[in-house]
Amino acid sequence: MNGIVIIDKPQAWTSQDVTARLRRVFNTRRIGHGGTLDPMATGVLPVFVGRGTRGVEFFEHAEKAYEATLLLGRTTDTEDVFGNTLTQQDVNLTEEEFLAVLPSFRGKILQVPPMYSALKINGQKLCDLARKGVEVERKAREIEIFQLDCLAFTGTT
């Protein structure tokens, strides 16, 4: 088998879980994926098989699109909805006020990766270190957000 397989990655699976399963399915070691998705993320994961792995380097840094749901007013120890709640407060925000701040997140910005992410530092995933109670210094990285739209606004907390 040579080529690209598009997988709808389920929640709780890591990108490595997907490639490990496909190694068994296709009986090959030559498998790579086009960008790590955090375990909580679901969605499209391109997997490159056999000679298709040559294409990984071209895809890794390609522009990608994400869709997210925001829950304002709650902080957790993992910086996502699955963590333990640290604080919770009501947020009174109109849709117009919310839309007014979106432009400040577009363009090139510096982002410090959260500890609960699949990013590796010194060969170890940040999320694995975080689960052990270890926090390491992370350098802010430049990212660019080309487009940011609000698809729906419920205004509920």
C-alpha atoms as a PDB file:
ATOM      1  CA  MET A   1       0.000   0.000   0.000  1.00  0.00           C
ATOM      2  CA  ASN A   2       1.344   3.406  -0.997  1.00  0.00           C
ATOM      3  CA  GLY A   3      -0.533   6.659  -0.690  1.00  0.00           C
ATOM      4  CA  ILE A   4      -2.532   8.820   1.664  1.00  0.00           C
ATOM      5  CA  VAL A   5      -5.368   7.576   3.871  1.00  0.00           C
ATOM      6  CA  ILE A   6      -7.737  10.158   5.354  1.00  0.00           C
ATOM      7  CA  ILE A   7      -8.828   9.166   8.856  1.00  0.00           C
ATOM      8  CA  ASP A   8     -11.586  10.705  10.975  1.00  0.00           C
ATOM      9  CA  LYS A   9      -9.640  10.551  14.253  1.00  0.00           C
ATOM     10  CA  PRO A  10     -11.878   9.713  17.205  1.00  0.00           C
ATOM     11  CA  GLN A  11     -11.655  11.449  20.553  1.00  0.00           C
ATOM     12  CA  ALA A  12      -9.246   9.897  23.090  1.00  0.00           C
ATOM     13  CA  TRP A  13      -7.036   8.455  20.347  1.00  0.00           C
ATOM     14  CA  THR A  14      -3.658  10.032  19.741  1.00  0.00           C
ATOM     15  CA  SER A  15      -2.286  10.470  16.254  1.00  0.00           C
ATOM     16  CA  GLN A  16       0.253   7.781  17.175  1.00  0.00           C
ATOM     17  CA  ASP A  17      -2.580   5.401  18.157  1.00  0.00           C
ATOM     18  CA  VAL A  18      -4.007   5.822  14.656  1.00  0.00           C
ATOM     19  CA  THR A  19      -0.685   5.181  12.905  1.00  0.00           C
ATOM     20  CA  ALA A  20       0.053   2.176  15.136  1.00  0.00           C
ATOM     21  CA  ARG A  21      -3.296   0.631  14.209  1.00  0.00           C
ATOM     22  CA  LEU A  22      -2.721   1.277  10.496  1.00  0.00           C
ATOM     23  CA  ARG A  23       0.765  -0.258  10.681  1.00  0.00           C
ATOM     24  CA  ARG A  24      -0.948  -3.499  11.699  1.00  0.00           C
ATOM     25  CA  VAL A  25      -3.736  -3.144   9.120  1.00  0.00           C
ATOM     26  CA  PHE A  26      -1.354  -2.489   6.217  1.00  0.00           C
ATOM     27  CA  ASN A  27       1.471  -4.634   7.624  1.00  0.00           C
ATOM     28  CA  THR A  28       4.076  -1.913   7.113  1.00  0.00           C
ATOM     29  CA  ARG A  29       6.373   0.256   9.237  1.00  0.00           C
ATOM     30  CA  ARG A  30       6.438   3.145   6.738  1.00  0.00           C
ATOM     31  CA  ILE A  31       3.625   5.298   8.058  1.00  0.00           C
ATOM     32  CA  GLY A  32       3.512   8.950   9.078  1.00  0.00           C
ATOM     33  CA  HIS A  33       0.825  11.514   9.741  1.00  0.00           C
ATOM     34  CA  GLY A  34       0.337  15.092   8.635  1.00  0.00           C
ATOM     35  CA  GLY A  35       0.337  16.818  12.006  1.00  0.00           C
ATOM     36  CA  THR A  36      -0.327  15.767  15.572  1.00  0.00           C
ATOM     37  CA  LEU A  37      -3.844  16.198  16.920  1.00  0.00           C
ATOM     38  CA  ASP A  38      -4.280  16.346  20.678  1.00  0.00           C
ATOM     39  CA  PRO A  39      -6.113  13.300  22.083  1.00  0.00           C
ATOM     40  CA  MET A  40      -9.289  15.324  22.782  1.00  0.00           C
ATOM     41  CA  ALA A  41      -9.434  16.572  19.188  1.00  0.00           C
ATOM     42  CA  THR A  42     -11.488  14.816  16.558  1.00  0.00           C
ATOM     43  CA  GLY A  43     -11.348  15.238  12.824  1.00  0.00           C
ATOM     44  CA  VAL A  44      -9.326  14.748   9.683  1.00  0.00           C
ATOM     45  CA  LEU A  45      -5.897  13.162  10.097  1.00  0.00           C
ATOM     46  CA  PRO A  46      -4.050  12.480   6.835  1.00  0.00           C
ATOM     47  CA  VAL A  47      -1.927   9.346   7.168  1.00  0.00           C
ATOM     48  CA  PHE A  48       0.856   8.699   4.664  1.00  0.00           C
ATOM     49  CA  VAL A  49       1.649   5.068   3.852  1.00  0.00           C
ATOM     50  CA  GLY A  50       4.638   3.448   2.124  1.00  0.00           C
ATOM     51  CA  ARG A  51       6.131   5.633  -0.599  1.00  0.00           C
ATOM     52  CA  GLY A  52       3.440   8.187   0.239  1.00  0.00           C
ATOM     53  CA  THR A  53       5.434   9.098   3.373  1.00  0.00           C
ATOM     54  CA  ARG A  54       7.583  11.296   1.146  1.00  0.00           C
ATOM     55  CA  GLY A  55       4.680  13.739   1.118  1.00  0.00           C
ATOM     56  CA  VAL A  56       4.580  14.247   4.904  1.00  0.00           C
ATOM     57  CA  GLU A  57       7.180  17.028   4.863  1.00  0.00           C
ATOM     58  CA  PHE A  58       5.060  19.055   2.448  1.00  0.00           C
ATOM     59  CA  PHE A  59       1.914  18.691   4.525  1.00  0.00           C
ATOM     60  CA  GLU A  60       3.237  19.241   8.062  1.00  0.00           C
ATOM     61  CA  HIS A  61       3.522  23.008   7.664  1.00  0.00           C
ATOM     62  CA  ALA A  62       0.509  23.507   5.418  1.00  0.00           C
ATOM     63  CA  GLU A  63      -2.313  25.815   6.423  1.00  0.00           C
ATOM     64  CA  LYS A  64      -4.951  23.961   8.397  1.00  0.00           C
ATOM     65  CA  ALA A  65      -8.504  24.737   9.503  1.00  0.00           C
ATOM     66  CA  TYR A  66      -9.962  24.053  12.935  1.00  0.00           C
ATOM     67  CA  GLU A  67     -13.407  24.388  14.430  1.00  0.00           C
ATOM     68  CA  ALA A  68     -13.778  24.881  18.167  1.00  0.00           C
ATOM     69  CA  THR A  69     -16.428  25.565  20.751  1.00  0.00           C
ATOM     70  CA  LEU A  70     -15.582  28.154  23.404  1.00  0.00           C
ATOM     71  CA  LEU A  71     -16.876  28.045  26.955  1.00  0.00           C
ATOM     72  CA  LEU A  72     -16.142  31.403  28.557  1.00  0.00           C
ATOM     73  CA  GLY A  73     -15.852  31.966  32.304  1.00  0.00           C
ATOM     74  CA  ARG A  74     -14.412  28.598  33.337  1.00  0.00           C
ATOM     75  CA  THR A  75     -10.753  27.759  33.934  1.00  0.00           C
ATOM     76  CA  THR A  76      -9.470  24.224  34.399  1.00  0.00           C
ATOM     77  CA  ASP A  77      -6.185  22.648  35.370  1.00  0.00           C
ATOM     78  CA  THR A  78      -5.755  21.298  31.819  1.00  0.00           C
ATOM     79  CA  GLU A  79      -6.925  24.421  29.942  1.00  0.00           C
ATOM     80  CA  ASP A  80      -9.662  22.389  28.225  1.00  0.00           C
ATOM     81  CA  VAL A  81     -13.181  21.220  29.102  1.00  0.00           C
ATOM     82  CA  PHE A  82     -11.955  17.853  30.419  1.00  0.00           C
ATOM     83  CA  GLY A  83      -9.918  19.234  33.327  1.00  0.00           C
ATOM     84  CA  ASN A  84     -10.908  19.890  36.914  1.00  0.00           C
ATOM     85  CA  THR A  85     -12.639  23.241  37.336  1.00  0.00           C
ATOM     86  CA  LEU A  86     -10.438  25.786  39.100  1.00  0.00           C
ATOM     87  CA  THR A  87     -12.715  28.817  38.755  1.00  0.00           C
ATOM     88  CA  GLN A  88     -16.116  29.478  37.261  1.00  0.00           C
ATOM     89  CA  GLN A  89     -17.944  32.754  36.821  1.00  0.00           C
ATOM     90  CA  ASP A  90     -20.838  34.090  34.808  1.00  0.00           C
ATOM     91  CA  VAL A  91     -19.881  35.936  31.651  1.00  0.00           C
ATOM     92  CA  ASN A  92     -22.179  38.666  30.426  1.00  0.00           C
ATOM     93  CA  LEU A  93     -21.132  39.302  26.873  1.00  0.00           C
ATOM     94  CA  THR A  94     -23.157  40.297  23.869  1.00  0.00           C
ATOM     95  CA  GLU A  95     -22.523  38.832  20.466  1.00  0.00           C
ATOM     96  CA  GLU A  96     -21.418  42.271  19.245  1.00  0.00           C
ATOM     97  CA  GLU A  97     -18.862  42.536  22.072  1.00  0.00           C
ATOM     98  CA  PHE A  98     -17.570  39.052  21.292  1.00  0.00           C
ATOM     99  CA  LEU A  99     -17.269  39.762  17.560  1.00  0.00           C
ATOM    100  CA  ALA A 100     -15.442  43.026  18.335  1.00  0.00           C
ATOM    101  CA  VAL A 101     -12.505  41.174  19.968  1.00  0.00           C
ATOM    102  CA  LEU A 102     -12.031  38.545  17.240  1.00  0.00           C
ATOM    103  CA  PRO A 103      -9.785  40.754  15.063  1.00  0.00           C
ATOM    104  CA  SER A 104      -7.203  40.945  17.879  1.00  0.00           C
ATOM    105  CA  PHE A 105      -6.642  37.183  17.479  1.00  0.00           C
ATOM    106  CA  ARG A 106      -6.089  37.298  13.707  1.00  0.00           C
ATOM    107  CA  GLY A 107      -2.667  37.606  12.121  1.00  0.00           C
ATOM    108  CA  LYS A 108       0.689  36.687  13.586  1.00  0.00           C
ATOM    109  CA  ILE A 109       0.625  36.237  17.345  1.00  0.00           C
ATOM    110  CA  LEU A 110       2.870  34.623  19.950  1.00  0.00           C
ATOM    111  CA  GLN A 111       1.404  31.549  21.605  1.00  0.00           C
ATOM    112  CA  VAL A 112       2.793  29.640  24.588  1.00  0.00           C
ATOM    113  CA  PRO A 113       1.853  25.982  24.113  1.00  0.00           C
ATOM    114  CA  PRO A 114      -0.242  24.628  26.992  1.00  0.00           C
ATOM    115  CA  MET A 115       1.223  21.855  29.154  1.00  0.00           C
ATOM    116  CA  TYR A 116      -1.663  19.626  28.114  1.00  0.00           C
ATOM    117  CA  SER A 117      -0.707  19.410  24.459  1.00  0.00           C
ATOM    118  CA  ALA A 118       0.925  16.816  22.230  1.00  0.00           C
ATOM    119  CA  LEU A 119       3.926  19.068  21.575  1.00  0.00           C
ATOM    120  CA  LYS A 120       7.213  17.368  22.383  1.00  0.00           C
ATOM    121  CA  ILE A 121      10.043  19.007  24.301  1.00  0.00           C
ATOM    122  CA  ASN A 122      13.274  17.028  24.657  1.00  0.00           C
ATOM    123  CA  GLY A 123      11.489  14.003  23.177  1.00  0.00           C
ATOM    124  CA  GLN A 124       8.658  13.998  25.722  1.00  0.00           C
ATOM    125  CA  LYS A 125       5.055  15.024  25.145  1.00  0.00           C
ATOM    126  CA  LEU A 126       3.993  17.951  27.270  1.00  0.00           C
ATOM    127  CA  CYS A 127       0.720  16.214  28.183  1.00  0.00           C
ATOM    128  CA  ASP A 128       2.622  13.188  29.544  1.00  0.00           C
ATOM    129  CA  LEU A 129       4.797  15.462  31.680  1.00  0.00           C
ATOM    130  CA  ALA A 130       1.727  17.396  32.875  1.00  0.00           C
ATOM    131  CA  ARG A 131      -0.021  14.179  33.961  1.00  0.00           C
ATOM    132  CA  LYS A 132       3.053  13.434  36.124  1.00  0.00           C
ATOM    133  CA  GLY A 133       2.764  16.876  37.715  1.00  0.00           C
ATOM    134  CA  VAL A 134       5.831  18.201  35.902  1.00  0.00           C
ATOM    135  CA  GLU A 135       5.694  21.657  34.354  1.00  0.00           C
ATOM    136  CA  VAL A 136       8.440  22.779  31.991  1.00  0.00           C
ATOM    137  CA  GLU A 137       9.224  26.158  30.505  1.00  0.00           C
ATOM    138  CA  ARG A 138       7.732  26.573  27.045  1.00  0.00           C
ATOM    139  CA  LYS A 139       8.846  29.251  24.655  1.00  0.00           C
ATOM    140  CA  ALA A 140       6.220  31.311  22.892  1.00  0.00           C
ATOM    141  CA  ARG A 141       5.954  30.337  19.240  1.00  0.00           C
ATOM    142  CA  GLU A 142       4.796  32.517  16.410  1.00  0.00           C
ATOM    143  CA  ILE A 143       1.602  31.314  14.812  1.00  0.00           C
ATOM    144  CA  GLU A 144      -0.563  32.947  12.200  1.00  0.00           C
ATOM    145  CA  ILE A 145      -4.336  32.917  12.188  1.00  0.00           C
ATOM    146  CA  PHE A 146      -5.530  33.782   8.706  1.00  0.00           C
ATOM    147  CA  GLN A 147      -9.254  33.642   9.348  1.00  0.00           C
ATOM    148  CA  LEU A 148     -11.329  33.527  12.506  1.00  0.00           C
ATOM    149  CA  ASP A 149     -15.108  33.460  12.307  1.00  0.00           C
ATOM    150  CA  CYS A 150     -17.922  32.999  14.785  1.00  0.00           C
ATOM    151  CA  LEU A 151     -20.242  30.328  13.374  1.00  0.00           C
ATOM    152  CA  ALA A 152     -22.766  30.515  16.217  1.00  0.00           C
ATOM    153  CA  PHE A 153     -23.221  32.463  19.435  1.00  0.00           C
ATOM    154  CA  THR A 154     -25.541  31.184  22.155  1.00  0.00           C
ATOM    155  CA  GLY A 155     -24.789  33.794  24.822  1.00  0.00           C
ATOM    156  CA  THR A 156     -25.396  31.260  27.589  1.00  0.00           C
ATOM    157  CA  THR A 157     -22.990  30.436  30.390  1.00  0.00           C
END
